[in-house]
Amino acid sequence: MMDEAEAVLVRIAGRVQGVGFRFWTRGQAQRLGLSGWVRNEADGSVAALICGPGFAVKAMLERCRIGPPGASVTDVDVRSAPLETIADGFRILK
């Protein structure tokens, strides 16, 4: 069912650093009631752990495929994560 809890680890590639992607991601996740984290990766991508109801996770993934103004997303790699990894709140990691 789409309302069951899900956790996914996402890697977003393209022009996603230097355009406010992490702050935008946190705002979108908070609006959707999701928890997890987002961080920049050394290879220029952005990684995120997104946890919450399936319908909200799906909506967040669709938003990540577009990104904030100034971003140019070329790839979104999604992998299931253990539900035990569900975090409290949504934060930006260094």
Protein backbone atom coordinates (compact mmCIF):
# COMPACT_ATOMS: atom_id res chain seq x y z
CA MET A 1 0.00 0.00 0.00
CA MET A 2 1.16 3.51 -0.73
CA ASP A 3 0.53 4.74 2.82
CA GLU A 4 2.88 2.26 4.50
CA ALA A 5 6.18 3.63 5.81
CA GLU A 6 9.08 3.57 3.37
CA ALA A 7 12.73 4.56 3.52
CA VAL A 8 14.84 5.23 0.42
CA LEU A 9 18.39 6.33 -0.18
CA VAL A 10 18.60 8.68 -3.15
CA ARG A 11 21.53 9.96 -5.21
CA ILE A 12 20.75 12.98 -7.39
CA ALA A 13 23.21 13.86 -10.16
CA GLY A 14 23.58 16.84 -12.46
CA ARG A 15 24.00 20.50 -11.57
CA VAL A 16 22.77 20.03 -8.01
CA GLN A 17 25.44 21.71 -5.88
CA GLY A 18 25.67 25.47 -5.54
CA VAL A 19 21.99 25.94 -6.41
CA GLY A 20 20.40 25.54 -2.95
CA PHE A 21 19.39 21.92 -3.55
CA ARG A 22 19.93 20.81 0.06
CA PHE A 23 17.86 23.67 1.52
CA TRP A 24 15.16 23.18 -1.10
CA THR A 25 15.09 19.42 -0.35
CA ARG A 26 14.69 20.03 3.38
CA GLY A 27 11.81 22.45 2.75
CA GLN A 28 10.02 20.07 0.39
CA ALA A 29 10.49 17.15 2.80
CA GLN A 30 9.14 19.18 5.71
CA ARG A 31 6.08 20.21 3.67
CA LEU A 32 5.42 16.53 2.92
CA GLY A 33 5.93 15.45 6.54
CA LEU A 34 9.00 13.36 5.73
CA SER A 35 12.05 12.68 7.85
CA GLY A 36 15.67 11.96 6.95
CA TRP A 37 18.66 13.95 5.78
CA VAL A 38 20.34 15.46 2.73
CA ARG A 39 24.03 16.13 2.02
CA ASN A 40 26.47 17.07 -0.74
CA GLU A 41 28.74 14.30 -2.00
CA ALA A 42 32.38 14.67 -3.08
CA ASP A 43 31.51 13.63 -6.66
CA GLY A 44 29.18 16.65 -7.10
CA SER A 45 25.95 14.75 -6.47
CA VAL A 46 23.48 15.15 -3.62
CA ALA A 47 22.49 12.19 -1.42
CA ALA A 48 19.37 11.97 0.71
CA LEU A 49 17.65 9.54 3.04
CA ILE A 50 13.90 10.03 2.68
CA CYS A 51 11.54 8.35 5.14
CA GLY A 52 7.78 8.46 5.56
CA PRO A 53 4.47 7.32 4.11
CA GLY A 54 4.83 5.79 0.65
CA PHE A 55 2.69 8.42 -1.09
CA ALA A 56 4.82 11.24 0.37
CA VAL A 57 8.09 9.50 -0.52
CA LYS A 58 6.85 9.09 -4.10
CA ALA A 59 5.88 12.77 -4.26
CA MET A 60 9.32 13.77 -2.96
CA LEU A 61 11.08 11.62 -5.55
CA GLU A 62 9.09 13.32 -8.31
CA ARG A 63 10.12 16.73 -6.95
CA CYS A 64 13.78 15.63 -6.79
CA ARG A 65 13.66 14.80 -10.50
CA ILE A 66 13.01 18.51 -11.16
CA GLY A 67 14.82 20.23 -8.27
CA PRO A 68 14.91 23.91 -7.38
CA PRO A 69 15.36 26.78 -9.85
CA GLY A 70 18.92 26.74 -11.17
CA ALA A 71 19.31 22.97 -10.82
CA SER A 72 19.62 20.61 -13.76
CA VAL A 73 18.95 17.03 -12.66
CA THR A 74 20.36 14.36 -14.97
CA ASP A 75 19.81 11.23 -12.85
CA VAL A 76 17.99 10.12 -9.71
CA ASP A 77 19.13 6.75 -8.34
CA VAL A 78 16.75 5.33 -5.73
CA ARG A 79 17.50 2.39 -3.44
CA SER A 80 15.46 0.94 -0.63
CA ALA A 81 16.79 1.58 2.86
CA PRO A 82 15.97 -0.34 6.04
CA LEU A 83 13.08 1.16 7.95
CA GLU A 84 15.28 1.07 11.06
CA THR A 85 17.16 4.03 9.53
CA ILE A 86 14.17 6.34 9.84
CA ALA A 87 15.36 9.59 11.34
CA ASP A 88 13.51 12.18 13.40
CA GLY A 89 12.90 15.38 11.43
CA PHE A 90 14.71 16.32 8.23
CA ARG A 91 18.16 17.84 8.42
CA ILE A 92 21.02 18.98 6.26
CA LEU A 93 24.27 17.12 6.89
CA LYS A 94 27.68 18.62 6.20
